[in-house]
Amino acid sequence: MIIKEKMSMQKKCIYCKTDIPIESVIDFCARCGRGVWGEKMFNTILKNMEDASAKGDLVSTNTIGISLDK
Protein backbone atom coordinates (compact mmCIF):
# COMPACT_ATOMS: atom_id res chain seq x y z
CA MET A 1 0.00 0.00 0.00
CA ILE A 2 1.34 3.43 -0.97
CA ILE A 3 0.40 6.39 1.18
CA LYS A 4 0.65 9.78 -0.50
CA GLU A 5 1.23 12.91 1.52
CA LYS A 6 -0.96 15.92 0.88
CA MET A 7 0.83 18.68 -0.97
CA SER A 8 1.12 21.65 1.34
CA MET A 9 1.16 25.28 0.36
CA GLN A 10 4.33 25.74 2.39
CA LYS A 11 7.95 25.65 1.40
CA LYS A 12 10.62 24.22 3.67
CA CYS A 13 13.81 25.96 4.75
CA ILE A 14 16.72 24.37 2.87
CA TYR A 15 18.75 24.32 6.10
CA CYS A 16 16.44 23.36 9.00
CA LYS A 17 13.31 22.18 7.11
CA THR A 18 10.95 24.47 9.03
CA ASP A 19 7.90 25.74 7.14
CA ILE A 20 8.22 29.07 5.34
CA PRO A 21 5.46 30.84 3.40
CA ILE A 22 5.08 29.81 -0.25
CA GLU A 23 5.23 33.51 -1.16
CA SER A 24 8.73 33.85 0.32
CA VAL A 25 11.35 35.01 -2.20
CA ILE A 26 14.05 33.04 -0.38
CA ASP A 27 14.21 29.30 0.29
CA PHE A 28 15.39 29.56 3.89
CA CYS A 29 13.94 30.89 7.14
CA ALA A 30 15.03 34.18 8.67
CA ARG A 31 16.74 32.42 11.59
CA CYS A 32 18.94 30.33 9.28
CA GLY A 33 19.56 33.25 6.92
CA ARG A 34 20.83 35.40 9.78
CA GLY A 35 22.89 32.49 11.11
CA VAL A 36 24.54 31.85 7.75
CA TRP A 37 25.16 35.42 6.52
CA GLY A 38 24.68 37.68 9.55
CA GLU A 39 22.02 40.35 10.03
CA LYS A 40 23.31 42.98 7.59
CA MET A 41 23.99 40.63 4.67
CA PHE A 42 20.74 38.71 5.25
CA ASN A 43 18.74 41.95 5.10
CA THR A 44 20.57 42.95 1.89
CA ILE A 45 19.87 39.58 0.28
CA LEU A 46 16.21 39.73 1.30
CA LYS A 47 15.77 43.29 -0.02
CA ASN A 48 17.45 42.47 -3.35
CA MET A 49 15.37 39.31 -3.79
CA GLU A 50 12.14 41.20 -2.99
CA ASP A 51 13.10 43.97 -5.45
CA ALA A 52 13.86 41.40 -8.17
CA SER A 53 10.54 39.67 -7.54
CA ALA A 54 8.65 42.98 -7.79
CA LYS A 55 10.34 43.67 -11.16
CA GLY A 56 9.53 40.18 -12.42
CA ASP A 57 13.22 39.30 -12.65
CA LEU A 58 13.09 36.46 -10.13
CA VAL A 59 13.00 32.88 -11.42
CA SER A 60 12.04 30.21 -8.89
CA THR A 61 14.54 27.37 -8.63
CA ASN A 62 12.68 25.48 -5.92
CA THR A 63 10.38 23.60 -8.30
CA ILE A 64 10.61 20.00 -7.14
CA GLY A 65 7.46 18.21 -8.23
CA ILE A 66 6.30 21.00 -10.53
CA SER A 67 6.05 20.17 -14.21
CA LEU A 68 6.65 22.89 -16.75
CA ASP A 69 5.22 20.79 -19.59
CA LYS A 70 1.76 21.72 -20.79
PDB file of N, CA and C in Angstrom:
ATOM      1  N   MET A   1       0.841  -1.181   0.000  1.00  0.00           N
ATOM      2  CA  MET A   1       0.000   0.000   0.000  1.00  0.00           C
ATOM      3  C   MET A   1       0.885   1.243   0.000  1.00  0.00           C
ATOM      4  N   ILE A   2       0.590   2.177  -0.871  1.00  0.00           N
ATOM      5  CA  ILE A   2       1.341   3.428  -0.967  1.00  0.00           C
ATOM      6  C   ILE A   2       0.497   4.542  -0.366  1.00  0.00           C
ATOM      7  N   ILE A   3       1.080   5.263   0.556  1.00  0.00           N
ATOM      8  CA  ILE A   3       0.396   6.394   1.184  1.00  0.00           C
ATOM      9  C   ILE A   3       1.009   7.669   0.627  1.00  0.00           C
ATOM     10  N   LYS A   4       0.169   8.518   0.063  1.00  0.00           N
ATOM     11  CA  LYS A   4       0.647   9.776  -0.496  1.00  0.00           C
ATOM     12  C   LYS A   4       0.394  10.900   0.494  1.00  0.00           C
ATOM     13  N   GLU A   5       1.391  11.745   0.664  1.00  0.00           N
ATOM     14  CA  GLU A   5       1.229  12.912   1.515  1.00  0.00           C
ATOM     15  C   GLU A   5       0.480  13.994   0.763  1.00  0.00           C
ATOM     16  N   LYS A   6      -0.295  14.777   1.493  1.00  0.00           N
ATOM     17  CA  LYS A   6      -0.964  15.925   0.883  1.00  0.00           C
ATOM     18  C   LYS A   6       0.085  16.964   0.539  1.00  0.00           C
ATOM     19  N   MET A   7      -0.078  17.597  -0.615  1.00  0.00           N
ATOM     20  CA  MET A   7       0.830  18.683  -0.974  1.00  0.00           C
ATOM     21  C   MET A   7       0.452  19.909  -0.162  1.00  0.00           C
ATOM     22  N   SER A   8       1.398  20.466   0.523  1.00  0.00           N
ATOM     23  CA  SER A   8       1.116  21.646   1.338  1.00  0.00           C
ATOM     24  C   SER A   8       1.436  22.904   0.547  1.00  0.00           C
ATOM     25  N   MET A   9       0.887  24.000   0.982  1.00  0.00           N
ATOM     26  CA  MET A   9       1.161  25.283   0.364  1.00  0.00           C
ATOM     27  C   MET A   9       2.268  25.991   1.145  1.00  0.00           C
ATOM     28  N   GLN A  10       3.189  25.219   1.645  1.00  0.00           N
ATOM     29  CA  GLN A  10       4.326  25.740   2.385  1.00  0.00           C
ATOM     30  C   GLN A  10       5.603  25.264   1.711  1.00  0.00           C
ATOM     31  N   LYS A  11       6.620  26.081   1.803  1.00  0.00           N
ATOM     32  CA  LYS A  11       7.952  25.648   1.399  1.00  0.00           C
ATOM     33  C   LYS A  11       8.683  25.283   2.681  1.00  0.00           C
ATOM     34  N   LYS A  12       9.784  24.602   2.542  1.00  0.00           N
ATOM     35  CA  LYS A  12      10.619  24.224   3.675  1.00  0.00           C
ATOM     36  C   LYS A  12      11.962  24.920   3.558  1.00  0.00           C
ATOM     37  N   CYS A  13      12.467  25.363   4.690  1.00  0.00           N
ATOM     38  CA  CYS A  13      13.806  25.957   4.749  1.00  0.00           C
ATOM     39  C   CYS A  13      14.812  24.913   4.269  1.00  0.00           C
ATOM     40  N   ILE A  14      15.729  25.312   3.403  1.00  0.00           N
ATOM     41  CA  ILE A  14      16.716  24.373   2.874  1.00  0.00           C
ATOM     42  C   ILE A  14      17.730  23.942   3.929  1.00  0.00           C
ATOM     43  N   TYR A  15      17.793  24.658   5.045  1.00  0.00           N
ATOM     44  CA  TYR A  15      18.748  24.321   6.104  1.00  0.00           C
ATOM     45  C   TYR A  15      18.114  23.517   7.233  1.00  0.00           C
ATOM     46  N   CYS A  16      17.017  24.017   7.818  1.00  0.00           N
ATOM     47  CA  CYS A  16      16.442  23.359   9.004  1.00  0.00           C
ATOM     48  C   CYS A  16      15.106  22.679   8.744  1.00  0.00           C
ATOM     49  N   LYS A  17      14.561  22.820   7.535  1.00  0.00           N
ATOM     50  CA  LYS A  17      13.307  22.176   7.107  1.00  0.00           C
ATOM     51  C   LYS A  17      12.049  22.730   7.787  1.00  0.00           C
ATOM     52  N   THR A  18      12.143  23.861   8.460  1.00  0.00           N
ATOM     53  CA  THR A  18      10.950  24.474   9.034  1.00  0.00           C
ATOM     54  C   THR A  18      10.088  25.060   7.916  1.00  0.00           C
ATOM     55  N   ASP A  19       8.790  25.177   8.147  1.00  0.00           N
ATOM     56  CA  ASP A  19       7.896  25.743   7.144  1.00  0.00           C
ATOM     57  C   ASP A  19       8.170  27.226   6.941  1.00  0.00           C
ATOM     58  N   ILE A  20       8.151  27.648   5.683  1.00  0.00           N
ATOM     59  CA  ILE A  20       8.217  29.067   5.340  1.00  0.00           C
ATOM     60  C   ILE A  20       7.095  29.335   4.344  1.00  0.00           C
ATOM     61  N   PRO A  21       6.584  30.551   4.303  1.00  0.00           N
ATOM     62  CA  PRO A  21       5.461  30.842   3.395  1.00  0.00           C
ATOM     63  C   PRO A  21       5.820  30.591   1.931  1.00  0.00           C
ATOM     64  N   ILE A  22       4.875  30.090   1.173  1.00  0.00           N
ATOM     65  CA  ILE A  22       5.083  29.810  -0.250  1.00  0.00           C
ATOM     66  C   ILE A  22       5.429  31.089  -1.008  1.00  0.00           C
ATOM     67  N   GLU A  23       4.976  32.231  -0.508  1.00  0.00           N
ATOM     68  CA  GLU A  23       5.231  33.514  -1.163  1.00  0.00           C
ATOM     69  C   GLU A  23       6.645  34.036  -0.917  1.00  0.00           C
ATOM     70  N   SER A  24       7.386  33.395  -0.035  1.00  0.00           N
ATOM     71  CA  SER A  24       8.731  33.854   0.317  1.00  0.00           C
ATOM     72  C   SER A  24       9.639  33.851  -0.911  1.00  0.00           C
ATOM     73  N   VAL A  25      10.436  34.897  -1.054  1.00  0.00           N
ATOM     74  CA  VAL A  25      11.353  35.011  -2.195  1.00  0.00           C
ATOM     75  C   VAL A  25      12.670  34.281  -1.942  1.00  0.00           C
ATOM     76  N   ILE A  26      12.850  33.793  -0.729  1.00  0.00           N
ATOM     77  CA  ILE A  26      14.055  33.041  -0.380  1.00  0.00           C
ATOM     78  C   ILE A  26      13.638  31.650   0.079  1.00  0.00           C
ATOM     79  N   ASP A  27      14.520  30.692  -0.045  1.00  0.00           N
ATOM     80  CA  ASP A  27      14.209  29.305   0.292  1.00  0.00           C
ATOM     81  C   ASP A  27      14.782  28.892   1.643  1.00  0.00           C
ATOM     82  N   PHE A  28      14.907  29.841   2.546  1.00  0.00           N
ATOM     83  CA  PHE A  28      15.394  29.564   3.894  1.00  0.00           C
ATOM     84  C   PHE A  28      14.691  30.492   4.861  1.00  0.00           C
ATOM     85  N   CYS A  29      14.617  30.073   6.123  1.00  0.00           N
ATOM     86  CA  CYS A  29      13.941  30.890   7.136  1.00  0.00           C
ATOM     87  C   CYS A  29      14.861  32.027   7.586  1.00  0.00           C
ATOM     88  N   ALA A  30      14.266  33.015   8.220  1.00  0.00           N
ATOM     89  CA  ALA A  30      15.035  34.178   8.671  1.00  0.00           C
ATOM     90  C   ALA A  30      16.106  33.774   9.689  1.00  0.00           C
ATOM     91  N   ARG A  31      15.777  32.846  10.577  1.00  0.00           N
ATOM     92  CA  ARG A  31      16.742  32.420  11.594  1.00  0.00           C
ATOM     93  C   ARG A  31      17.991  31.824  10.942  1.00  0.00           C
ATOM     94  N   CYS A  32      17.794  30.933   9.973  1.00  0.00           N
ATOM     95  CA  CYS A  32      18.936  30.327   9.281  1.00  0.00           C
ATOM     96  C   CYS A  32      19.669  31.348   8.417  1.00  0.00           C
ATOM     97  N   GLY A  33      18.931  32.219   7.747  1.00  0.00           N
ATOM     98  CA  GLY A  33      19.562  33.249   6.922  1.00  0.00           C
ATOM     99  C   GLY A  33      20.475  34.142   7.730  1.00  0.00           C
ATOM    100  N   ARG A  34      20.004  34.557   8.898  1.00  0.00           N
ATOM    101  CA  ARG A  34      20.833  35.400   9.776  1.00  0.00           C
ATOM    102  C   ARG A  34      22.023  34.613  10.319  1.00  0.00           C
ATOM    103  N   GLY A  35      21.806  33.328  10.602  1.00  0.00           N
ATOM    104  CA  GLY A  35      22.886  32.491  11.109  1.00  0.00           C
ATOM    105  C   GLY A  35      23.974  32.242  10.071  1.00  0.00           C
ATOM    106  N   VAL A  36      23.588  32.123   8.825  1.00  0.00           N
ATOM    107  CA  VAL A  36      24.544  31.851   7.752  1.00  0.00           C
ATOM    108  C   VAL A  36      25.283  33.121   7.331  1.00  0.00           C
ATOM    109  N   TRP A  37      24.558  34.216   7.086  1.00  0.00           N
ATOM    110  CA  TRP A  37      25.157  35.421   6.519  1.00  0.00           C
ATOM    111  C   TRP A  37      25.299  36.591   7.486  1.00  0.00           C
ATOM    112  N   GLY A  38      24.669  36.550   8.635  1.00  0.00           N
ATOM    113  CA  GLY A  38      24.677  37.678   9.552  1.00  0.00           C
ATOM    114  C   GLY A  38      23.536  38.632   9.210  1.00  0.00           C
ATOM    115  N   GLU A  39      23.183  39.463  10.160  1.00  0.00           N
ATOM    116  CA  GLU A  39      22.022  40.350  10.035  1.00  0.00           C
ATOM    117  C   GLU A  39      22.094  41.280   8.823  1.00  0.00           C
ATOM    118  N   LYS A  40      23.203  41.980   8.663  1.00  0.00           N
ATOM    119  CA  LYS A  40      23.306  42.985   7.595  1.00  0.00           C
ATOM    120  C   LYS A  40      23.235  42.341   6.203  1.00  0.00           C
ATOM    121  N   MET A  41      23.987  41.281   5.983  1.00  0.00           N
ATOM    122  CA  MET A  41      23.995  40.629   4.672  1.00  0.00           C
ATOM    123  C   MET A  41      22.650  39.954   4.402  1.00  0.00           C
ATOM    124  N   PHE A  42      22.052  39.321   5.425  1.00  0.00           N
ATOM    125  CA  PHE A  42      20.737  38.706   5.249  1.00  0.00           C
ATOM    126  C   PHE A  42      19.713  39.746   4.808  1.00  0.00           C
ATOM    127  N   ASN A  43      19.694  40.898   5.468  1.00  0.00           N
ATOM    128  CA  ASN A  43      18.744  41.955   5.102  1.00  0.00           C
ATOM    129  C   ASN A  43      18.981  42.453   3.677  1.00  0.00           C
ATOM    130  N   THR A  44      20.233  42.539   3.267  1.00  0.00           N
ATOM    131  CA  THR A  44      20.570  42.954   1.895  1.00  0.00           C
ATOM    132  C   THR A  44      20.079  41.925   0.885  1.00  0.00           C
ATOM    133  N   ILE A  45      20.329  40.651   1.164  1.00  0.00           N
ATOM    134  CA  ILE A  45      19.866  39.577   0.277  1.00  0.00           C
ATOM    135  C   ILE A  45      18.350  39.605   0.160  1.00  0.00           C
ATOM    136  N   LEU A  46      17.664  39.709   1.290  1.00  0.00           N
ATOM    137  CA  LEU A  46      16.207  39.731   1.296  1.00  0.00           C
ATOM    138  C   LEU A  46      15.661  40.913   0.508  1.00  0.00           C
ATOM    139  N   LYS A  47      16.226  42.101   0.704  1.00  0.00           N
ATOM    140  CA  LYS A  47      15.774  43.286  -0.018  1.00  0.00           C
ATOM    141  C   LYS A  47      15.989  43.123  -1.520  1.00  0.00           C
ATOM    142  N   ASN A  48      17.165  42.654  -1.919  1.00  0.00           N
ATOM    143  CA  ASN A  48      17.455  42.471  -3.345  1.00  0.00           C
ATOM    144  C   ASN A  48      16.548  41.422  -3.984  1.00  0.00           C
ATOM    145  N   MET A  49      16.259  40.350  -3.267  1.00  0.00           N
ATOM    146  CA  MET A  49      15.366  39.313  -3.790  1.00  0.00           C
ATOM    147  C   MET A  49      13.941  39.843  -3.910  1.00  0.00           C
ATOM    148  N   GLU A  50      13.478  40.608  -2.930  1.00  0.00           N
ATOM    149  CA  GLU A  50      12.136  41.202  -2.994  1.00  0.00           C
ATOM    150  C   GLU A  50      12.036  42.204  -4.138  1.00  0.00           C
ATOM    151  N   ASP A  51      13.082  43.010  -4.331  1.00  0.00           N
ATOM    152  CA  ASP A  51      13.100  43.967  -5.445  1.00  0.00           C
ATOM    153  C   ASP A  51      13.059  43.240  -6.794  1.00  0.00           C
ATOM    154  N   ALA A  52      13.838  42.176  -6.932  1.00  0.00           N
ATOM    155  CA  ALA A  52      13.863  41.403  -8.174  1.00  0.00           C
ATOM    156  C   ALA A  52      12.499  40.765  -8.436  1.00  0.00           C
ATOM    157  N   SER A  53      11.862  40.274  -7.387  1.00  0.00           N
ATOM    158  CA  SER A  53      10.538  39.674  -7.536  1.00  0.00           C
ATOM    159  C   SER A  53       9.516  40.710  -7.988  1.00  0.00           C
ATOM    160  N   ALA A  54       9.581  41.907  -7.422  1.00  0.00           N
ATOM    161  CA  ALA A  54       8.653  42.979  -7.788  1.00  0.00           C
ATOM    162  C   ALA A  54       8.824  43.393  -9.250  1.00  0.00           C
ATOM    163  N   LYS A  55      10.063  43.311  -9.759  1.00  0.00           N
ATOM    164  CA  LYS A  55      10.341  43.671 -11.156  1.00  0.00           C
ATOM    165  C   LYS A  55      10.030  42.526 -12.117  1.00  0.00           C
ATOM    166  N   GLY A  56       9.779  41.340 -11.571  1.00  0.00           N
ATOM    167  CA  GLY A  56       9.533  40.177 -12.421  1.00  0.00           C
ATOM    168  C   GLY A  56      10.813  39.506 -12.883  1.00  0.00           C
ATOM    169  N   ASP A  57      11.922  39.844 -12.254  1.00  0.00           N
ATOM    170  CA  ASP A  57      13.221  39.295 -12.648  1.00  0.00           C
ATOM    171  C   ASP A  57      13.591  38.017 -11.903  1.00  0.00           C
ATOM    172  N   LEU A  58      12.756  37.606 -10.960  1.00  0.00           N
ATOM    173  CA  LEU A  58      13.087  36.458 -10.127  1.00  0.00           C
ATOM    174  C   LEU A  58      12.543  35.188 -10.757  1.00  0.00           C
ATOM    175  N   VAL A  59      13.402  34.186 -10.891  1.00  0.00           N
ATOM    176  CA  VAL A  59      13.005  32.884 -11.417  1.00  0.00           C
ATOM    177  C   VAL A  59      13.114  31.890 -10.272  1.00  0.00           C
ATOM    178  N   SER A  60      12.035  31.179  -9.981  1.00  0.00           N
ATOM    179  CA  SER A  60      12.041  30.212  -8.889  1.00  0.00           C
ATOM    180  C   SER A  60      12.853  28.992  -9.278  1.00  0.00           C
ATOM    181  N   THR A  61      13.747  28.574  -8.387  1.00  0.00           N
ATOM    182  CA  THR A  61      14.536  27.372  -8.627  1.00  0.00           C
ATOM    183  C   THR A  61      14.081  26.234  -7.740  1.00  0.00           C
ATOM    184  N   ASN A  62      13.179  26.505  -6.820  1.00  0.00           N
ATOM    185  CA  ASN A  62      12.677  25.478  -5.919  1.00  0.00           C
ATOM    186  C   ASN A  62      11.396  24.907  -6.514  1.00  0.00           C
ATOM    187  N   THR A  63      11.541  24.084  -7.555  1.00  0.00           N
ATOM    188  CA  THR A  63      10.377  23.603  -8.303  1.00  0.00           C
ATOM    189  C   THR A  63      10.263  22.088  -8.278  1.00  0.00           C
ATOM    190  N   ILE A  64      10.708  21.452  -7.234  1.00  0.00           N
ATOM    191  CA  ILE A  64      10.607  20.001  -7.138  1.00  0.00           C
ATOM    192  C   ILE A  64       9.141  19.601  -7.200  1.00  0.00           C
ATOM    193  N   GLY A  65       8.828  18.713  -8.107  1.00  0.00           N
ATOM    194  CA  GLY A  65       7.464  18.214  -8.229  1.00  0.00           C
ATOM    195  C   GLY A  65       6.560  19.068  -9.103  1.00  0.00           C
ATOM    196  N   ILE A  66       7.101  20.125  -9.678  1.00  0.00           N
ATOM    197  CA  ILE A  66       6.296  20.997 -10.535  1.00  0.00           C
ATOM    198  C   ILE A  66       6.707  20.763 -11.977  1.00  0.00           C
ATOM    199  N   SER A  67       5.762  20.419 -12.811  1.00  0.00           N
ATOM    200  CA  SER A  67       6.046  20.165 -14.214  1.00  0.00           C
ATOM    201  C   SER A  67       5.829  21.422 -15.020  1.00  0.00           C
ATOM    202  N   LEU A  68       6.771  21.727 -15.889  1.00  0.00           N
ATOM    203  CA  LEU A  68       6.646  22.895 -16.750  1.00  0.00           C
ATOM    204  C   LEU A  68       6.029  22.525 -18.100  1.00  0.00           C
ATOM    205  N   ASP A  69       5.846  21.233 -18.337  1.00  0.00           N
ATOM    206  CA  ASP A  69       5.220  20.792 -19.586  1.00  0.00           C
ATOM    207  C   ASP A  69       3.739  21.072 -19.566  1.00  0.00           C
ATOM    208  N   LYS A  70       3.192  21.443 -20.713  1.00  0.00           N
ATOM    209  CA  LYS A  70       1.763  21.725 -20.792  1.00  0.00           C
ATOM    210  C   LYS A  70       1.063  20.647 -21.561  1.00  0.00           C
TER     211      LYS A  70
END
